[in-house]
Amino acid sequence: MAGRVNTTPTLAGMHRRVVSLLLAFSFVLASCGASTEGKLGVELFQVTCAACHSADLSGGFGPPIGAGSNAALNLSDDQIGNTIRVGPGRMPSFAELSDEQIASLVEFLRWMQDGS
């Protein structure tokens, strides 16, 4: 009798998917003439946010925050920045990020929410 096939993605497989998606985002941003802050935002998102919000911002442990999500639509850029800095609820704080890094993440989030 054949054993049950394990279809759970491996950590290496998940890492490859995240890297592939983020590389695709990077190429799209570069081809659209994104600002330096926007490009930095992609890199920071990969390191600080993708593990919880997923590479495509569709959510996971953290809520969805990309296109079609209303998670941050009613918040100002300053409010989003403060959310990143403070980390409300179960979200970790990223107080160690500079103002420029926070602004880059906010710009990236807004760009993704617009579905550009």
N, C-alpha and C. Protein backbone atom coordinates (compact mmCIF):
# COMPACT_ATOMS: atom_id res chain seq x y z
N MET A 1 0.85 -1.16 0.00
CA MET A 1 0.00 0.00 0.00
C MET A 1 0.90 1.24 0.00
N ALA A 2 0.57 2.16 -0.85
CA ALA A 2 1.37 3.38 -0.97
C ALA A 2 1.10 4.29 0.21
N GLY A 3 2.16 4.94 0.68
CA GLY A 3 2.02 5.89 1.78
C GLY A 3 1.40 7.20 1.32
N ARG A 4 1.02 7.95 2.25
CA ARG A 4 0.42 9.26 1.96
C ARG A 4 1.51 10.23 1.48
N VAL A 5 1.19 10.96 0.43
CA VAL A 5 2.15 11.91 -0.12
C VAL A 5 2.07 13.20 0.66
N ASN A 6 3.22 13.69 1.09
CA ASN A 6 3.28 14.94 1.83
C ASN A 6 3.28 16.10 0.84
N THR A 7 2.21 16.90 0.85
CA THR A 7 2.11 18.04 -0.07
C THR A 7 2.39 19.36 0.63
N THR A 8 2.85 19.30 1.87
CA THR A 8 3.19 20.52 2.60
C THR A 8 4.42 21.15 1.96
N PRO A 9 4.32 22.46 1.62
CA PRO A 9 5.50 23.09 1.01
C PRO A 9 6.67 23.12 1.97
N THR A 10 7.85 22.91 1.42
CA THR A 10 9.05 22.98 2.24
C THR A 10 9.45 24.44 2.43
N LEU A 11 10.25 24.68 3.43
CA LEU A 11 10.75 26.03 3.67
C LEU A 11 11.54 26.53 2.47
N ALA A 12 12.34 25.66 1.88
CA ALA A 12 13.13 26.05 0.70
C ALA A 12 12.21 26.40 -0.46
N GLY A 13 11.15 25.63 -0.64
CA GLY A 13 10.20 25.92 -1.72
C GLY A 13 9.48 27.24 -1.50
N MET A 14 9.10 27.49 -0.27
CA MET A 14 8.43 28.76 0.04
C MET A 14 9.40 29.92 -0.17
N HIS A 15 10.65 29.74 0.24
CA HIS A 15 11.66 30.79 0.07
C HIS A 15 11.84 31.11 -1.42
N ARG A 16 11.89 30.06 -2.25
CA ARG A 16 12.05 30.27 -3.70
C ARG A 16 10.87 31.07 -4.25
N ARG A 17 9.65 30.76 -3.80
CA ARG A 17 8.48 31.50 -4.28
C ARG A 17 8.53 32.96 -3.87
N VAL A 18 8.88 33.21 -2.63
CA VAL A 18 8.98 34.59 -2.14
C VAL A 18 10.03 35.35 -2.93
N VAL A 19 11.19 34.76 -3.11
CA VAL A 19 12.26 35.42 -3.86
C VAL A 19 11.82 35.68 -5.29
N SER A 20 11.16 34.71 -5.92
CA SER A 20 10.70 34.89 -7.30
C SER A 20 9.71 36.02 -7.41
N LEU A 21 8.75 36.07 -6.50
CA LEU A 21 7.77 37.16 -6.54
C LEU A 21 8.42 38.50 -6.30
N LEU A 22 9.32 38.57 -5.36
CA LEU A 22 9.97 39.85 -5.07
C LEU A 22 10.89 40.28 -6.21
N LEU A 23 11.51 39.34 -6.86
CA LEU A 23 12.30 39.70 -8.04
C LEU A 23 11.39 40.25 -9.14
N ALA A 24 10.23 39.63 -9.30
CA ALA A 24 9.28 40.13 -10.30
C ALA A 24 8.84 41.54 -9.94
N PHE A 25 8.54 41.80 -8.66
CA PHE A 25 8.17 43.14 -8.22
C PHE A 25 9.30 44.12 -8.52
N SER A 26 10.53 43.70 -8.26
CA SER A 26 11.68 44.58 -8.49
C SER A 26 11.79 44.96 -9.95
N PHE A 27 11.61 43.97 -10.85
CA PHE A 27 11.71 44.26 -12.27
C PHE A 27 10.58 45.18 -12.73
N VAL A 28 9.39 44.96 -12.21
CA VAL A 28 8.27 45.83 -12.56
C VAL A 28 8.54 47.25 -12.09
N LEU A 29 8.98 47.39 -10.86
CA LEU A 29 9.29 48.72 -10.34
C LEU A 29 10.38 49.39 -11.15
N ALA A 30 11.41 48.65 -11.49
CA ALA A 30 12.51 49.23 -12.26
C ALA A 30 12.03 49.66 -13.64
N SER A 31 11.20 48.85 -14.26
CA SER A 31 10.74 49.19 -15.60
C SER A 31 9.75 50.34 -15.60
N CYS A 32 9.10 50.57 -14.49
CA CYS A 32 8.15 51.68 -14.39
C CYS A 32 8.82 52.94 -13.89
N GLY A 33 10.10 52.91 -13.71
CA GLY A 33 10.81 54.10 -13.25
C GLY A 33 10.49 54.45 -11.82
N ALA A 34 10.32 53.44 -10.99
CA ALA A 34 10.00 53.69 -9.58
C ALA A 34 11.13 54.46 -8.92
N SER A 35 10.77 55.22 -7.92
CA SER A 35 11.76 56.00 -7.19
C SER A 35 12.71 55.07 -6.43
N THR A 36 13.79 55.64 -5.98
CA THR A 36 14.75 54.89 -5.16
C THR A 36 14.06 54.40 -3.90
N GLU A 37 13.19 55.25 -3.32
CA GLU A 37 12.46 54.82 -2.11
C GLU A 37 11.59 53.62 -2.41
N GLY A 38 10.91 53.62 -3.57
CA GLY A 38 10.05 52.50 -3.93
C GLY A 38 10.83 51.21 -4.07
N LYS A 39 12.01 51.29 -4.67
CA LYS A 39 12.85 50.10 -4.82
C LYS A 39 13.35 49.60 -3.46
N LEU A 40 13.72 50.53 -2.60
CA LEU A 40 14.13 50.16 -1.24
C LEU A 40 12.96 49.52 -0.51
N GLY A 41 11.75 50.01 -0.75
CA GLY A 41 10.56 49.45 -0.12
C GLY A 41 10.35 47.99 -0.45
N VAL A 42 10.62 47.61 -1.70
CA VAL A 42 10.50 46.20 -2.11
C VAL A 42 11.45 45.34 -1.29
N GLU A 43 12.69 45.79 -1.19
CA GLU A 43 13.70 45.03 -0.45
C GLU A 43 13.35 44.95 1.04
N LEU A 44 12.92 46.07 1.61
CA LEU A 44 12.55 46.07 3.02
C LEU A 44 11.34 45.19 3.28
N PHE A 45 10.38 45.22 2.37
CA PHE A 45 9.19 44.40 2.53
C PHE A 45 9.58 42.92 2.59
N GLN A 46 10.49 42.52 1.71
CA GLN A 46 10.94 41.13 1.69
C GLN A 46 11.51 40.73 3.05
N VAL A 47 12.31 41.60 3.64
CA VAL A 47 13.01 41.28 4.88
C VAL A 47 12.11 41.42 6.11
N THR A 48 11.25 42.43 6.14
CA THR A 48 10.52 42.74 7.37
C THR A 48 9.05 42.34 7.37
N CYS A 49 8.43 42.19 6.21
CA CYS A 49 6.97 42.05 6.18
C CYS A 49 6.44 40.78 5.50
N ALA A 50 7.16 40.28 4.49
CA ALA A 50 6.63 39.20 3.66
C ALA A 50 6.36 37.91 4.44
N ALA A 51 7.10 37.66 5.49
CA ALA A 51 6.88 36.43 6.26
C ALA A 51 5.47 36.37 6.84
N CYS A 52 4.91 37.51 7.20
CA CYS A 52 3.56 37.52 7.78
C CYS A 52 2.48 37.94 6.78
N HIS A 53 2.80 38.88 5.90
CA HIS A 53 1.80 39.42 4.98
C HIS A 53 1.86 38.77 3.60
N SER A 54 2.81 37.88 3.36
CA SER A 54 3.10 37.16 2.12
C SER A 54 3.70 38.09 1.07
N ALA A 55 4.44 37.50 0.16
CA ALA A 55 5.16 38.27 -0.85
C ALA A 55 4.22 39.07 -1.74
N ASP A 56 3.00 38.56 -1.96
CA ASP A 56 2.06 39.28 -2.80
C ASP A 56 1.06 40.11 -1.99
N LEU A 57 1.32 40.26 -0.71
CA LEU A 57 0.52 41.06 0.22
C LEU A 57 -0.89 40.51 0.44
N SER A 58 -1.10 39.22 0.12
CA SER A 58 -2.43 38.63 0.26
C SER A 58 -2.73 38.15 1.67
N GLY A 59 -1.77 38.27 2.56
CA GLY A 59 -1.98 37.89 3.95
C GLY A 59 -1.49 36.49 4.25
N GLY A 60 -1.52 36.17 5.49
CA GLY A 60 -1.07 34.89 6.01
C GLY A 60 -1.26 34.98 7.50
N PHE A 61 -0.17 35.04 8.25
CA PHE A 61 -0.25 35.28 9.69
C PHE A 61 -0.77 36.69 9.94
N GLY A 62 -0.32 37.63 9.12
CA GLY A 62 -0.81 39.01 9.16
C GLY A 62 -1.92 39.19 8.14
N PRO A 63 -2.68 40.26 8.24
CA PRO A 63 -3.80 40.48 7.32
C PRO A 63 -3.32 40.84 5.91
N PRO A 64 -4.21 40.66 4.91
CA PRO A 64 -3.87 41.12 3.57
C PRO A 64 -3.74 42.65 3.57
N ILE A 65 -2.75 43.16 2.84
CA ILE A 65 -2.54 44.61 2.81
C ILE A 65 -2.33 45.13 1.39
N GLY A 66 -2.58 44.29 0.38
CA GLY A 66 -2.35 44.69 -1.00
C GLY A 66 -3.62 45.16 -1.68
N ALA A 67 -3.61 45.11 -3.01
CA ALA A 67 -4.75 45.52 -3.82
C ALA A 67 -5.99 44.74 -3.39
N GLY A 68 -7.10 45.41 -3.28
CA GLY A 68 -8.34 44.77 -2.86
C GLY A 68 -8.53 44.72 -1.35
N SER A 69 -7.51 45.06 -0.60
CA SER A 69 -7.60 45.08 0.86
C SER A 69 -7.92 46.50 1.32
N ASN A 70 -8.75 46.59 2.31
CA ASN A 70 -9.04 47.92 2.87
C ASN A 70 -8.30 48.14 4.18
N ALA A 71 -7.30 47.31 4.45
CA ALA A 71 -6.58 47.37 5.72
C ALA A 71 -5.96 48.72 6.00
N ALA A 72 -5.48 49.40 4.98
CA ALA A 72 -4.79 50.68 5.20
C ALA A 72 -5.34 51.81 4.33
N LEU A 73 -6.40 51.55 3.60
CA LEU A 73 -6.91 52.55 2.67
C LEU A 73 -7.36 53.83 3.36
N ASN A 74 -7.92 53.72 4.55
CA ASN A 74 -8.43 54.89 5.26
C ASN A 74 -7.39 55.53 6.17
N LEU A 75 -6.17 55.05 6.10
CA LEU A 75 -5.10 55.59 6.94
C LEU A 75 -4.22 56.53 6.13
N SER A 76 -3.73 57.57 6.77
CA SER A 76 -2.76 58.46 6.12
C SER A 76 -1.41 57.74 6.06
N ASP A 77 -0.51 58.27 5.26
CA ASP A 77 0.84 57.70 5.19
C ASP A 77 1.51 57.73 6.57
N ASP A 78 1.29 58.82 7.31
CA ASP A 78 1.86 58.92 8.66
C ASP A 78 1.30 57.85 9.59
N GLN A 79 0.00 57.57 9.46
CA GLN A 79 -0.61 56.54 10.31
C GLN A 79 -0.07 55.15 9.97
N ILE A 80 0.13 54.89 8.68
CA ILE A 80 0.71 53.60 8.29
C ILE A 80 2.13 53.49 8.82
N GLY A 81 2.89 54.57 8.67
CA GLY A 81 4.26 54.59 9.19
C GLY A 81 4.30 54.32 10.68
N ASN A 82 3.37 54.92 11.42
CA ASN A 82 3.32 54.70 12.86
C ASN A 82 2.94 53.25 13.18
N THR A 83 2.06 52.67 12.38
CA THR A 83 1.69 51.27 12.57
C THR A 83 2.92 50.38 12.40
N ILE A 84 3.72 50.65 11.38
CA ILE A 84 4.95 49.88 11.16
C ILE A 84 5.91 50.07 12.34
N ARG A 85 6.05 51.30 12.76
CA ARG A 85 7.01 51.63 13.83
C ARG A 85 6.60 51.02 15.17
N VAL A 86 5.31 51.07 15.51
CA VAL A 86 4.83 50.64 16.83
C VAL A 86 4.47 49.16 16.86
N GLY A 87 3.87 48.65 15.78
CA GLY A 87 3.48 47.25 15.75
C GLY A 87 2.31 46.94 16.67
N PRO A 88 1.12 47.39 16.32
CA PRO A 88 -0.04 47.15 17.19
C PRO A 88 -0.44 45.67 17.21
N GLY A 89 -1.11 45.27 18.28
CA GLY A 89 -1.59 43.90 18.39
C GLY A 89 -0.44 42.90 18.34
N ARG A 90 -0.60 41.87 17.53
CA ARG A 90 0.44 40.83 17.45
C ARG A 90 1.55 41.17 16.45
N MET A 91 1.41 42.32 15.77
CA MET A 91 2.45 42.74 14.82
C MET A 91 3.68 43.21 15.59
N PRO A 92 4.87 42.74 15.18
CA PRO A 92 6.08 43.21 15.87
C PRO A 92 6.36 44.67 15.55
N SER A 93 7.06 45.32 16.44
CA SER A 93 7.49 46.71 16.24
C SER A 93 8.72 46.73 15.34
N PHE A 94 8.76 47.73 14.47
CA PHE A 94 9.94 47.94 13.63
C PHE A 94 10.50 49.33 13.90
N ALA A 95 10.60 49.66 15.19
CA ALA A 95 11.08 50.98 15.63
C ALA A 95 12.52 51.24 15.21
N GLU A 96 13.26 50.19 14.90
CA GLU A 96 14.66 50.37 14.51
C GLU A 96 14.81 50.89 13.08
N LEU A 97 13.74 50.87 12.30
CA LEU A 97 13.81 51.38 10.93
C LEU A 97 13.88 52.90 10.93
N SER A 98 14.63 53.44 9.99
CA SER A 98 14.75 54.89 9.86
C SER A 98 13.48 55.46 9.24
N ASP A 99 13.33 56.78 9.32
CA ASP A 99 12.19 57.44 8.69
C ASP A 99 12.17 57.17 7.18
N GLU A 100 13.35 57.16 6.56
CA GLU A 100 13.45 56.89 5.12
C GLU A 100 12.98 55.46 4.81
N GLN A 101 13.37 54.51 5.63
CA GLN A 101 12.95 53.13 5.41
C GLN A 101 11.45 52.97 5.58
N ILE A 102 10.89 53.61 6.59
CA ILE A 102 9.43 53.57 6.81
C ILE A 102 8.72 54.19 5.60
N ALA A 103 9.20 55.34 5.14
CA ALA A 103 8.60 56.00 3.98
C ALA A 103 8.67 55.09 2.75
N SER A 104 9.75 54.34 2.61
CA SER A 104 9.89 53.42 1.48
C SER A 104 8.87 52.30 1.56
N LEU A 105 8.65 51.77 2.74
CA LEU A 105 7.64 50.73 2.91
C LEU A 105 6.24 51.26 2.62
N VAL A 106 5.95 52.47 3.09
CA VAL A 106 4.64 53.07 2.84
C VAL A 106 4.44 53.28 1.34
N GLU A 107 5.47 53.79 0.65
CA GLU A 107 5.37 54.00 -0.80
C GLU A 107 5.12 52.68 -1.52
N PHE A 108 5.85 51.64 -1.13
CA PHE A 108 5.65 50.32 -1.74
C PHE A 108 4.24 49.82 -1.49
N LEU A 109 3.75 49.95 -0.26
CA LEU A 109 2.40 49.51 0.07
C LEU A 109 1.36 50.25 -0.77
N ARG A 110 1.48 51.55 -0.87
CA ARG A 110 0.53 52.34 -1.67
C ARG A 110 0.58 51.92 -3.14
N TRP A 111 1.79 51.68 -3.65
CA TRP A 111 1.94 51.26 -5.03
C TRP A 111 1.24 49.92 -5.27
N MET A 112 1.41 48.99 -4.34
CA MET A 112 0.78 47.68 -4.47
C MET A 112 -0.73 47.76 -4.30
N GLN A 113 -1.20 48.62 -3.42
CA GLN A 113 -2.65 48.76 -3.23
C GLN A 113 -3.33 49.34 -4.46
N ASP A 114 -2.61 50.18 -5.19
CA ASP A 114 -3.17 50.76 -6.41
C ASP A 114 -3.26 49.73 -7.52
N GLY A 115 -2.62 48.58 -7.32
CA GLY A 115 -2.64 47.53 -8.33
C GLY A 115 -1.83 47.87 -9.55
N SER A 116 -0.86 48.75 -9.38
CA SER A 116 -0.03 49.20 -10.52
C SER A 116 0.87 48.10 -11.02
